Amino acid sequence: MHVVVAGETVLPVGGAVRRPADLARAAHEIEAAERPRWVWADTREDYPPLLRAGVRVARCHDIALTEGLLLAYDGRYGESRSARAAHARLHGLPVPEEHPHAPGTLFAPEPLSAEAVAEVLADQLRRIEALPEPGRFRLLVAAESAGALVAAEMSHEGMPWRRDVHDALLTELLGPRPVHGMRPAKLQALAGEVAAAFGHPVNPDSVQQLVKAFKGAGVALKTTRSGELKQIDHPAVAPLLAYKELARLFSAHGWAWADQWVRDGRFRPEYVVGGVVSGRWATNGGGALQIPKVMRRVVMADDGRVLIVADAAQLEPRVLAAMAGDVGLARAAGEIDLYSALAQSFGGQRDHAKIAMLSAMYGGTSGDASKLLAVMRQRFPKAYQFVEDAAKAGEEGRLVRSWLGRTSPPPSSRWKELVSGPEGGRAARDRGRFTRNFVVQGTAAEWALALLAVLRGRLPEPARLVFFQHDEVMVHCPIEQAEEVMAAVSAAAAEASRLLFGQTPVRFPMEAVAVACYADAK
């Protein structure tokens, strides 16, 4: 793959330069001398070789991520976004389909030349400048590309993960590691309790067998989800719920999982930047964004180091306050606890304030939501109208955009069929709930990306970002850098707020703590 540096210098990566030492030397020289914005087809493929060669770059422009953002803006979400596809569209050629492949394998397509990548870049910059608010979109592209650098670096660096502590925890909860294909002892014992409660063998992993067994006991089930099971009075329920919880742990974070994802004392997931339509990240296996609380005790800093853990408090309501320009809500969002600040408007009840805000952002109508939303409409009219407008756009099949310009997917053909039929009202409301939250969640994701980009640049050597989850970050650093890193987190939060919203009374507090173990941060 070729990398275009600063629009002029071309550094061949992979073809002409094959030795890591050559690659590292050339890249180090360019990075130190020019501090360029590297332009490449896909950070996921092009950056890891540089990281393995000991090179960390300051900035980049990710062609694939940018193309995806631009296509979505034009209502073409989901079309092939690769550099090859972008180049083909630019020249009116057949657009190749995207096929997942491992870089460097026999089946990987020929890489696009540096000249072609530069041509696509020029076209993308032209399309961005033609947008109604190019400045915001440029910030979105820069933040998304910076997120791709962070994602690759976190996979390369890895989160500290103690295999010995992990093994001891699994043994405590499940029993000794079983032979392949067998259940751990405690799971097997719970399966026996479930069978005894029914009076005959039942596989607790089989939904069909469980539904049949409960039916035989006079209990009609629609699903075997925990929420439904908890409503049932039957002796099989308690051991079944315990079994489901432990089985989930065994499957998602058990010994086999650690064998695959933990190497050299580090958990190394593959993050997918913008893997969710709202801009939130996903993972390509590993489950990094769904680490159970019980597993956090396995994440421990190395000797002489600490983990700096920080998360943004009540991020989405604060984002709504800043976007809508609602003076009353912004005033409340200037406090550390937004819901407590809002409580007075809801009869002094903090819980009522929280229900009202969440219902406004997610479209909730059950329980007291309708009554509380009426209060919100009266007290915070701009914020209420902001999400209502987004919901109305969704119900009418229109697109909505985040603050910087990330665009919702267009309605599917199936939705168009449903909305014109007898279930049309429900289909329209469902899409309205999606677009209502999209504008808020998408902007919250943008704020988090800006936070990452700024924090990455402020961290002192050798501190490293090692984990990111929606609105939470983790930095692994020497103990003596703890105060400096915590200050960097706070400064990065303030800078991210300024970048997105300018001068706003809304506060985005990031409470950072220094801990030896992730479990101690919560």
Protein backbone atom coordinates (compact mmCIF):
# COMPACT_ATOMS: atom_id res chain seq x y z
CA MET A 1 0.00 0.00 0.00
CA HIS A 2 1.21 3.50 -0.72
CA VAL A 3 0.79 6.35 1.69
CA VAL A 4 0.49 9.94 0.52
CA VAL A 5 2.17 12.26 2.97
CA ALA A 6 1.23 15.95 3.08
CA GLY A 7 -0.22 15.62 -0.42
CA GLU A 8 3.26 15.49 -1.97
CA THR A 9 5.69 13.01 -0.46
CA VAL A 10 5.01 9.36 -1.22
CA LEU A 11 6.20 6.64 1.14
CA PRO A 12 5.74 3.08 -0.19
CA VAL A 13 4.60 0.76 2.58
CA GLY A 14 4.55 -2.93 1.84
CA GLY A 15 5.73 -3.07 -1.76
CA ALA A 16 9.08 -1.37 -2.30
CA VAL A 17 9.95 -1.09 1.38
CA ARG A 18 9.77 -4.52 2.94
CA ARG A 19 12.16 -4.42 5.90
CA PRO A 20 10.74 -2.96 9.13
CA ALA A 21 13.97 -1.08 9.72
CA ASP A 22 13.71 0.68 6.36
CA LEU A 23 10.05 1.46 6.95
CA ALA A 24 10.66 2.80 10.44
CA ARG A 25 13.58 4.96 9.38
CA ALA A 26 11.76 6.52 6.42
CA ALA A 27 8.53 7.13 8.35
CA HIS A 28 10.35 8.50 11.40
CA GLU A 29 12.25 10.97 9.23
CA ILE A 30 9.08 12.23 7.51
CA GLU A 31 7.06 12.43 10.73
CA ALA A 32 9.81 14.31 12.58
CA ALA A 33 10.58 16.71 9.74
CA GLU A 34 7.10 17.51 8.40
CA ARG A 35 4.51 16.52 11.04
CA PRO A 36 2.25 15.74 8.06
CA ARG A 37 -1.31 14.60 7.84
CA TRP A 38 -0.85 11.11 6.48
CA VAL A 39 -3.37 10.13 3.84
CA TRP A 40 -4.08 6.46 3.30
CA ALA A 41 -6.80 4.18 2.06
CA ASP A 42 -7.69 2.56 5.37
CA THR A 43 -6.07 3.08 8.77
CA ARG A 44 -6.97 -0.48 9.80
CA GLU A 45 -4.64 -1.82 7.13
CA ASP A 46 -2.03 0.89 6.68
CA TYR A 47 -1.23 1.97 10.24
CA PRO A 48 -0.49 -1.36 12.00
CA PRO A 49 2.68 -1.99 9.93
CA LEU A 50 4.00 1.40 11.03
CA LEU A 51 3.14 0.67 14.67
CA ARG A 52 4.94 -2.66 14.48
CA ALA A 53 7.94 -0.78 13.08
CA GLY A 54 7.87 1.58 16.06
CA VAL A 55 6.27 4.56 14.29
CA ARG A 56 3.37 6.56 15.74
CA VAL A 57 1.99 9.27 13.48
CA ALA A 58 0.38 12.49 14.65
CA ARG A 59 -2.45 12.94 12.16
CA CYS A 60 -4.09 11.17 9.26
CA HIS A 61 -6.91 11.35 6.74
CA ASP A 62 -8.70 8.00 6.40
CA ILE A 63 -10.09 7.70 2.87
CA ALA A 64 -12.50 4.84 3.67
CA LEU A 65 -13.99 6.46 6.76
CA THR A 66 -14.34 9.80 4.98
CA GLU A 67 -15.99 8.20 1.97
CA GLY A 68 -18.49 6.49 4.25
CA LEU A 69 -19.39 9.81 5.87
CA LEU A 70 -19.78 11.56 2.51
CA LEU A 71 -21.88 8.76 1.01
CA ALA A 72 -24.19 8.81 4.03
CA TYR A 73 -24.54 12.58 3.76
CA ASP A 74 -25.83 12.06 0.22
CA GLY A 75 -28.34 9.45 1.41
CA ARG A 76 -26.21 6.55 0.14
CA TYR A 77 -25.39 4.94 3.47
CA GLY A 78 -24.05 1.41 3.11
CA GLU A 79 -22.51 1.75 -0.34
CA SER A 80 -18.94 0.54 -0.74
CA ARG A 81 -16.65 3.09 0.89
CA SER A 82 -13.21 1.68 0.10
CA ALA A 83 -10.60 3.79 -1.70
CA ARG A 84 -10.92 1.48 -4.71
CA ALA A 85 -14.69 2.01 -4.78
CA ALA A 86 -14.29 5.78 -4.44
CA HIS A 87 -11.78 5.83 -7.29
CA ALA A 88 -14.08 3.74 -9.48
CA ARG A 89 -17.03 6.07 -8.84
CA LEU A 90 -14.85 9.07 -9.61
CA HIS A 91 -14.11 7.64 -13.07
CA GLY A 92 -17.51 6.13 -13.80
CA LEU A 93 -16.17 2.57 -13.55
CA PRO A 94 -17.90 -0.48 -12.03
CA VAL A 95 -17.69 -0.20 -8.25
CA PRO A 96 -16.03 -3.24 -6.66
CA GLU A 97 -17.82 -4.87 -3.77
CA GLU A 98 -16.20 -4.80 -0.36
CA HIS A 99 -15.00 -8.18 0.79
CA PRO A 100 -13.49 -8.59 4.25
CA HIS A 101 -9.97 -9.91 3.93
CA ALA A 102 -6.81 -10.09 5.90
CA PRO A 103 -4.22 -7.60 4.63
CA GLY A 104 -1.42 -9.27 2.74
CA THR A 105 -3.31 -12.49 2.03
CA LEU A 106 -3.43 -14.20 -1.33
CA PHE A 107 -6.98 -12.97 -1.90
CA ALA A 108 -6.40 -9.30 -1.04
CA PRO A 109 -6.95 -7.02 -4.08
CA GLU A 110 -4.09 -5.09 -5.55
CA PRO A 111 -3.56 -1.90 -3.54
CA LEU A 112 -4.56 1.41 -5.04
CA SER A 113 -1.58 3.50 -6.15
CA ALA A 114 -0.52 6.56 -4.20
CA GLU A 115 -1.49 8.72 -7.17
CA ALA A 116 -4.99 7.25 -7.19
CA VAL A 117 -5.32 7.76 -3.44
CA ALA A 118 -4.27 11.39 -3.89
CA GLU A 119 -6.89 11.77 -6.64
CA VAL A 120 -9.62 10.42 -4.35
CA LEU A 121 -8.43 12.75 -1.59
CA ALA A 122 -8.76 15.78 -3.85
CA ASP A 123 -12.28 14.73 -4.79
CA GLN A 124 -13.26 14.22 -1.15
CA LEU A 125 -11.94 17.65 -0.17
CA ARG A 126 -13.89 19.19 -3.05
CA ARG A 127 -17.10 17.45 -1.95
CA ILE A 128 -16.59 18.58 1.65
CA GLU A 129 -16.12 22.21 0.60
CA ALA A 130 -19.40 22.04 -1.33
CA LEU A 131 -21.39 21.13 1.79
CA PRO A 132 -23.53 23.76 3.57
CA GLU A 133 -21.27 23.68 6.64
CA PRO A 134 -17.86 22.42 5.48
CA GLY A 135 -16.09 23.51 8.66
CA ARG A 136 -18.14 21.19 10.84
CA PHE A 137 -17.75 18.31 8.42
CA ARG A 138 -13.98 18.81 8.25
CA LEU A 139 -13.92 18.51 12.04
CA LEU A 140 -15.97 15.31 11.80
CA VAL A 141 -13.54 13.83 9.27
CA ALA A 142 -10.53 14.83 11.37
CA ALA A 143 -12.07 13.38 14.54
CA GLU A 144 -13.11 10.15 12.83
CA SER A 145 -9.63 9.71 11.34
CA ALA A 146 -8.00 10.47 14.70
CA GLY A 147 -10.28 7.85 16.25
CA ALA A 148 -8.96 5.34 13.73
CA LEU A 149 -5.39 6.09 14.86
CA VAL A 150 -6.40 5.65 18.50
CA ALA A 151 -8.19 2.38 17.74
CA ALA A 152 -5.14 0.92 15.99
CA GLU A 153 -2.85 2.10 18.77
CA MET A 154 -5.03 0.63 21.51
CA SER A 155 -5.13 -2.73 19.72
CA HIS A 156 -1.35 -2.58 19.35
CA GLU A 157 -0.73 -1.48 22.94
CA GLY A 158 -3.41 -3.63 24.56
CA MET A 159 -5.19 -3.28 27.87
CA PRO A 160 -3.34 -4.78 30.86
CA TRP A 161 -4.92 -8.16 31.58
CA ARG A 162 -3.69 -10.55 34.27
CA ARG A 163 -4.15 -14.11 33.02
CA ASP A 164 -3.40 -15.57 36.46
CA VAL A 165 -6.08 -13.39 38.09
CA HIS A 166 -8.46 -14.21 35.25
CA ASP A 167 -7.92 -17.94 35.68
CA ALA A 168 -8.40 -17.70 39.47
CA LEU A 169 -11.61 -15.70 38.99
CA LEU A 170 -13.03 -18.18 36.48
CA THR A 171 -12.13 -21.07 38.77
CA GLU A 172 -13.84 -19.33 41.68
CA LEU A 173 -17.02 -18.67 39.70
CA LEU A 174 -17.18 -21.74 37.45
CA GLY A 175 -14.87 -24.38 38.85
CA PRO A 176 -11.65 -25.70 37.24
CA ARG A 177 -11.21 -25.32 33.51
CA PRO A 178 -13.09 -28.18 31.85
CA VAL A 179 -11.92 -30.26 28.94
CA HIS A 180 -13.01 -28.99 25.54
CA GLY A 181 -16.73 -29.47 24.91
CA MET A 182 -17.67 -29.99 28.55
CA ARG A 183 -19.36 -27.64 30.99
CA PRO A 184 -17.48 -26.28 34.01
CA ALA A 185 -18.43 -27.97 37.28
CA LYS A 186 -20.65 -25.18 38.62
CA LEU A 187 -22.54 -24.89 35.35
CA GLN A 188 -23.07 -28.62 35.32
CA ALA A 189 -24.36 -28.53 38.90
CA LEU A 190 -26.82 -25.75 38.04
CA ALA A 191 -27.97 -27.67 34.96
CA GLY A 192 -28.66 -30.59 37.29
CA GLU A 193 -30.75 -28.35 39.56
CA VAL A 194 -32.80 -27.16 36.59
CA ALA A 195 -33.44 -30.74 35.51
CA ALA A 196 -34.38 -31.76 39.06
CA ALA A 197 -36.85 -28.88 39.30
CA PHE A 198 -38.65 -30.16 36.19
CA GLY A 199 -38.32 -33.83 37.14
CA HIS A 200 -36.64 -34.79 33.87
CA PRO A 201 -33.49 -33.86 31.85
CA VAL A 202 -33.61 -30.41 30.24
CA ASN A 203 -30.79 -28.70 28.38
CA PRO A 204 -30.62 -25.16 29.86
CA ASP A 205 -28.90 -23.96 26.67
CA SER A 206 -31.90 -24.97 24.53
CA VAL A 207 -34.68 -22.39 24.31
CA GLN A 208 -36.95 -24.96 22.69
CA GLN A 209 -36.48 -27.49 25.50
CA LEU A 210 -36.96 -24.85 28.19
CA VAL A 211 -40.18 -23.50 26.67
CA LYS A 212 -41.50 -27.07 26.36
CA ALA A 213 -40.51 -27.92 29.94
CA PHE A 214 -42.20 -24.81 31.36
CA LYS A 215 -45.29 -25.51 29.27
CA GLY A 216 -45.42 -29.00 30.73
CA ALA A 217 -45.32 -27.39 34.17
CA GLY A 218 -48.28 -25.17 33.28
CA VAL A 219 -46.23 -22.03 32.55
CA ALA A 220 -46.52 -20.36 29.13
CA LEU A 221 -43.37 -18.54 28.01
CA LYS A 222 -42.81 -16.35 24.97
CA THR A 223 -39.05 -16.19 25.51
CA THR A 224 -36.49 -17.39 28.04
CA ARG A 225 -35.08 -13.92 28.61
CA SER A 226 -34.16 -13.15 32.20
CA GLY A 227 -36.74 -10.37 32.51
CA GLU A 228 -39.57 -12.75 31.66
CA LEU A 229 -38.21 -15.59 33.79
CA LYS A 230 -38.08 -13.34 36.86
CA GLN A 231 -41.86 -12.94 36.68
CA ILE A 232 -42.42 -16.68 37.08
CA ASP A 233 -42.82 -18.62 40.31
CA HIS A 234 -41.19 -21.99 39.62
CA PRO A 235 -38.29 -23.80 41.34
CA ALA A 236 -36.36 -24.00 38.06
CA VAL A 237 -36.14 -20.23 37.69
CA ALA A 238 -33.44 -19.47 40.30
CA PRO A 239 -30.90 -22.07 39.10
CA LEU A 240 -31.73 -21.24 35.47
CA LEU A 241 -31.06 -17.54 35.97
CA ALA A 242 -27.78 -18.34 37.73
CA TYR A 243 -26.88 -20.73 34.92
CA LYS A 244 -27.58 -18.15 32.21
CA GLU A 245 -25.39 -15.55 33.92
CA LEU A 246 -22.43 -17.88 34.40
CA ALA A 247 -22.84 -19.44 30.94
CA ARG A 248 -22.65 -15.97 29.40
CA LEU A 249 -19.43 -15.31 31.29
CA PHE A 250 -17.98 -18.69 30.30
CA SER A 251 -18.78 -18.09 26.64
CA ALA A 252 -17.90 -14.39 26.33
CA HIS A 253 -14.89 -14.10 28.67
CA GLY A 254 -13.86 -17.63 29.56
CA TRP A 255 -10.63 -19.51 29.09
CA ALA A 256 -11.05 -20.01 25.33
CA TRP A 257 -11.74 -16.29 24.92
CA ALA A 258 -8.52 -15.44 26.78
CA ASP A 259 -6.54 -17.88 24.64
CA GLN A 260 -7.69 -15.98 21.55
CA TRP A 261 -7.61 -12.36 22.69
CA VAL A 262 -5.02 -12.03 25.47
CA ARG A 263 -1.34 -12.07 24.53
CA ASP A 264 1.72 -11.06 26.55
CA GLY A 265 -0.42 -9.81 29.43
CA ARG A 266 -2.53 -7.58 27.20
CA PHE A 267 -6.11 -7.78 25.93
CA ARG A 268 -5.91 -6.82 22.24
CA PRO A 269 -9.35 -6.39 20.64
CA GLU A 270 -9.96 -5.09 17.14
CA TYR A 271 -11.98 -1.89 17.38
CA VAL A 272 -14.28 -0.82 14.53
CA VAL A 273 -14.47 2.96 14.33
CA GLY A 274 -17.98 4.11 13.46
CA GLY A 275 -19.15 0.51 13.63
CA VAL A 276 -22.60 1.67 14.78
CA VAL A 277 -24.71 3.97 12.59
CA SER A 278 -24.64 6.69 15.24
CA GLY A 279 -20.83 6.81 15.10
CA ARG A 280 -20.24 4.78 18.22
CA TRP A 281 -17.54 2.13 18.01
CA ALA A 282 -17.96 -1.60 17.76
CA THR A 283 -15.48 -4.46 17.98
CA ASN A 284 -14.68 -7.21 15.53
CA GLY A 285 -14.69 -9.91 18.18
CA GLY A 286 -13.28 -9.79 21.68
CA GLY A 287 -16.21 -7.97 23.29
CA ALA A 288 -14.09 -5.05 24.53
CA LEU A 289 -17.13 -2.80 24.76
CA GLN A 290 -19.01 -5.28 26.96
CA ILE A 291 -16.58 -6.19 29.76
CA PRO A 292 -18.68 -7.45 32.70
CA LYS A 293 -18.17 -5.70 36.03
CA VAL A 294 -16.88 -8.88 37.59
CA MET A 295 -14.09 -9.01 34.97
CA ARG A 296 -12.80 -5.55 35.79
CA ARG A 297 -10.77 -6.92 38.68
CA VAL A 298 -8.62 -8.71 36.05
CA VAL A 299 -7.55 -5.37 34.50
CA MET A 300 -4.55 -4.38 36.62
CA ALA A 301 -1.80 -1.86 36.01
CA ASP A 302 1.78 -3.05 35.63
CA ASP A 303 4.16 -2.58 38.55
CA GLY A 304 5.08 1.08 38.92
CA ARG A 305 2.10 2.16 36.82
CA VAL A 306 -1.52 3.15 37.35
CA LEU A 307 -4.71 3.23 35.34
CA ILE A 308 -6.32 6.63 34.89
CA VAL A 309 -10.02 5.98 34.32
CA ALA A 310 -12.47 8.76 33.44
CA ASP A 311 -15.96 9.00 32.07
CA ALA A 312 -18.23 11.84 31.05
CA ALA A 313 -21.17 12.33 33.39
CA GLN A 314 -24.62 12.46 31.74
CA LEU A 315 -23.09 13.10 28.33
CA GLU A 316 -26.15 12.87 26.09
CA PRO A 317 -28.37 15.33 28.04
CA ARG A 318 -25.50 17.81 28.05
CA VAL A 319 -25.06 17.38 24.31
CA LEU A 320 -28.77 18.03 23.81
CA ALA A 321 -28.57 21.20 25.91
CA ALA A 322 -25.64 22.50 23.85
CA MET A 323 -27.19 21.64 20.46
CA ALA A 324 -30.63 23.00 21.23
CA GLY A 325 -29.38 26.22 22.81
CA ASP A 326 -31.98 25.82 25.54
CA VAL A 327 -31.02 28.38 28.20
CA GLY A 328 -32.74 26.61 31.09
CA LEU A 329 -31.35 23.19 30.28
CA ALA A 330 -27.91 24.64 29.58
CA ARG A 331 -27.97 26.30 32.99
CA ALA A 332 -28.67 22.92 34.63
CA ALA A 333 -25.98 21.33 32.45
CA GLY A 334 -23.51 23.77 33.95
CA GLU A 335 -23.67 21.74 37.18
CA ILE A 336 -21.82 18.52 37.96
CA ASP A 337 -25.07 16.58 38.50
CA LEU A 338 -27.43 17.70 35.77
CA TYR A 339 -30.38 15.68 37.06
CA SER A 340 -30.15 17.15 40.55
CA ALA A 341 -30.03 20.62 39.02
CA LEU A 342 -33.20 19.81 37.06
CA ALA A 343 -35.05 18.29 40.00
CA GLN A 344 -36.70 21.53 41.06
CA SER A 345 -38.58 21.64 37.75
CA PHE A 346 -39.94 18.17 38.47
CA GLY A 347 -41.27 18.57 41.98
CA GLY A 348 -37.87 18.15 43.57
CA GLN A 349 -37.57 14.57 42.29
CA ARG A 350 -34.21 13.78 40.67
CA ASP A 351 -35.57 10.49 39.31
CA HIS A 352 -38.41 12.32 37.58
CA ALA A 353 -35.93 14.68 35.92
CA LYS A 354 -33.92 11.71 34.67
CA ILE A 355 -37.01 9.91 33.34
CA ALA A 356 -38.11 13.06 31.50
CA MET A 357 -34.73 13.58 29.86
CA LEU A 358 -34.32 9.96 28.82
CA SER A 359 -37.88 9.81 27.53
CA ALA A 360 -37.30 12.92 25.44
CA MET A 361 -34.13 11.50 23.91
CA TYR A 362 -35.32 7.90 23.46
CA GLY A 363 -39.04 8.40 22.85
CA GLY A 364 -40.28 6.73 26.03
CA THR A 365 -43.99 6.95 26.80
CA SER A 366 -44.62 4.31 29.47
CA GLY A 367 -45.39 4.96 33.13
CA ASP A 368 -45.04 8.59 34.17
CA ALA A 369 -43.14 9.53 31.02
CA SER A 370 -46.01 11.34 29.30
CA LYS A 371 -46.76 13.52 32.34
CA LEU A 372 -43.08 14.32 32.84
CA LEU A 373 -42.58 15.11 29.16
CA ALA A 374 -45.35 17.68 29.43
CA VAL A 375 -43.35 19.40 32.15
CA MET A 376 -40.22 19.28 30.02
CA ARG A 377 -42.06 20.76 27.03
CA GLN A 378 -43.13 23.66 29.21
CA ARG A 379 -39.85 24.28 31.08
CA PHE A 380 -37.32 23.43 28.35
CA PRO A 381 -39.13 24.14 25.06
CA LYS A 382 -36.10 24.41 22.78
CA ALA A 383 -34.60 21.11 23.90
CA TYR A 384 -37.95 19.37 23.65
CA GLN A 385 -38.62 20.78 20.18
CA PHE A 386 -35.14 19.83 18.98
CA VAL A 387 -35.71 16.10 19.51
CA GLU A 388 -39.35 16.35 18.42
CA ASP A 389 -38.24 17.81 15.09
CA ALA A 390 -35.77 14.96 14.64
CA ALA A 391 -38.49 12.42 15.42
CA LYS A 392 -40.90 14.05 12.96
CA ALA A 393 -38.23 13.94 10.24
CA GLY A 394 -37.73 10.24 10.86
CA GLU A 395 -41.46 9.50 10.81
CA GLU A 396 -41.69 11.25 7.45
CA GLY A 397 -38.80 9.23 6.02
CA ARG A 398 -36.35 12.12 5.94
CA LEU A 399 -32.67 12.08 6.94
CA VAL A 400 -31.33 13.65 10.11
CA ARG A 401 -27.79 14.71 10.95
CA SER A 402 -25.61 15.00 13.99
CA TRP A 403 -24.03 18.31 14.99
CA LEU A 404 -21.02 17.83 12.70
CA GLY A 405 -22.91 16.15 9.87
CA ARG A 406 -22.99 12.39 10.39
CA THR A 407 -26.15 11.32 8.60
CA SER A 408 -28.74 8.71 9.46
CA PRO A 409 -29.39 5.86 7.02
CA PRO A 410 -32.33 6.42 4.66
CA PRO A 411 -35.49 4.38 5.27
CA SER A 412 -35.40 0.90 3.80
CA SER A 413 -37.74 -0.33 1.11
CA ARG A 414 -39.31 -2.62 3.70
CA TRP A 415 -40.04 0.40 5.92
CA LYS A 416 -41.69 2.16 3.00
CA GLU A 417 -43.92 -0.85 2.47
CA LEU A 418 -44.83 -1.03 6.15
CA VAL A 419 -45.51 2.69 6.51
CA SER A 420 -48.08 2.57 3.71
CA GLY A 421 -49.87 -0.42 5.23
CA PRO A 422 -52.01 -1.10 8.31
CA GLU A 423 -48.95 -1.04 10.58
CA GLY A 424 -47.78 2.26 9.12
CA GLY A 425 -48.24 4.28 12.27
CA ARG A 426 -46.11 1.96 14.35
CA ALA A 427 -43.38 1.76 11.69
CA ALA A 428 -43.27 5.56 11.46
CA ARG A 429 -43.06 5.97 15.23
CA ASP A 430 -40.28 3.37 15.45
CA ARG A 431 -38.18 5.27 12.93
CA GLY A 432 -38.99 8.51 14.70
CA ARG A 433 -37.62 7.09 17.95
CA PHE A 434 -34.44 6.12 16.09
CA THR A 435 -33.88 9.54 14.51
CA ARG A 436 -34.81 11.29 17.76
CA ASN A 437 -31.91 9.62 19.50
CA PHE A 438 -29.59 9.60 16.47
CA VAL A 439 -29.03 13.34 16.55
CA VAL A 440 -28.10 13.21 20.24
CA GLN A 441 -26.15 9.96 20.34
CA GLY A 442 -24.33 10.80 17.11
CA THR A 443 -23.21 14.15 18.49
CA ALA A 444 -22.19 12.54 21.79
CA ALA A 445 -20.04 10.14 19.75
CA GLU A 446 -18.47 13.13 17.99
CA TRP A 447 -17.69 14.79 21.31
CA ALA A 448 -16.04 11.58 22.50
CA LEU A 449 -13.96 11.36 19.31
CA ALA A 450 -12.80 14.94 19.76
CA LEU A 451 -11.91 14.11 23.36
CA LEU A 452 -9.81 11.14 22.20
CA ALA A 453 -8.03 13.18 19.55
CA VAL A 454 -7.14 15.99 21.96
CA LEU A 455 -6.19 13.69 24.83
CA ARG A 456 -3.98 11.58 22.57
CA GLY A 457 -1.98 14.69 21.72
CA ARG A 458 -1.71 15.83 25.34
CA LEU A 459 -0.49 12.60 26.91
CA PRO A 460 3.15 12.65 28.05
CA GLU A 461 5.44 9.83 27.03
CA PRO A 462 5.16 6.92 27.83
CA ALA A 463 1.48 7.21 28.89
CA ARG A 464 -0.86 5.37 26.53
CA LEU A 465 -4.58 5.20 25.89
CA VAL A 466 -5.52 1.55 26.34
CA PHE A 467 -9.33 1.53 26.43
CA PHE A 468 -12.29 3.54 25.16
CA GLN A 469 -15.98 2.82 25.56
CA HIS A 470 -18.61 5.36 24.43
CA ASP A 471 -17.82 8.07 27.02
CA GLU A 472 -15.12 6.39 29.09
CA VAL A 473 -11.35 6.37 28.61
CA MET A 474 -8.49 4.54 30.29
CA VAL A 475 -4.82 5.56 30.24
CA HIS A 476 -1.96 3.36 31.44
CA CYS A 477 0.92 5.46 32.73
CA PRO A 478 3.77 5.59 35.28
CA ILE A 479 2.60 6.45 38.80
CA GLU A 480 4.52 9.74 38.77
CA GLN A 481 2.51 10.91 35.73
CA ALA A 482 -0.90 10.32 37.32
CA GLU A 483 -1.63 13.95 38.19
CA GLU A 484 -0.44 15.19 34.80
CA VAL A 485 -2.60 12.67 32.96
CA MET A 486 -5.70 13.45 35.03
CA ALA A 487 -5.20 17.13 34.25
CA ALA A 488 -4.82 16.25 30.57
CA VAL A 489 -8.17 14.42 30.66
CA SER A 490 -9.95 17.47 32.11
CA ALA A 491 -8.28 19.80 29.62
CA ALA A 492 -9.16 17.50 26.72
CA ALA A 493 -12.83 17.45 27.77
CA ALA A 494 -12.93 21.25 27.85
CA GLU A 495 -11.21 21.48 24.46
CA ALA A 496 -13.57 18.92 22.90
CA SER A 497 -16.52 21.00 24.12
CA ARG A 498 -15.02 24.17 22.64
CA LEU A 499 -14.27 22.49 19.31
CA LEU A 500 -17.86 21.33 18.90
CA PHE A 501 -19.94 24.02 20.56
CA GLY A 502 -17.72 27.06 20.97
CA GLN A 503 -18.42 29.14 24.07
CA THR A 504 -21.24 27.36 25.88
CA PRO A 505 -22.45 27.37 29.48
CA VAL A 506 -22.81 23.60 29.27
CA ARG A 507 -20.16 21.72 31.23
CA PHE A 508 -18.84 18.33 30.21
CA PRO A 509 -17.17 17.11 33.40
CA MET A 510 -14.74 14.18 33.17
CA GLU A 511 -14.07 12.75 36.61
CA ALA A 512 -10.72 10.94 36.48
CA VAL A 513 -9.36 8.58 39.13
CA ALA A 514 -6.02 6.82 39.47
CA VAL A 515 -6.35 3.15 40.38
CA ALA A 516 -4.26 0.01 40.33
CA CYS A 517 -7.25 -2.09 39.25
CA TYR A 518 -10.12 -1.20 36.93
CA ALA A 519 -12.65 -2.58 39.43
CA ASP A 520 -11.64 0.15 41.91
CA ALA A 521 -12.64 2.92 39.50
CA LYS A 522 -16.38 2.38 39.87
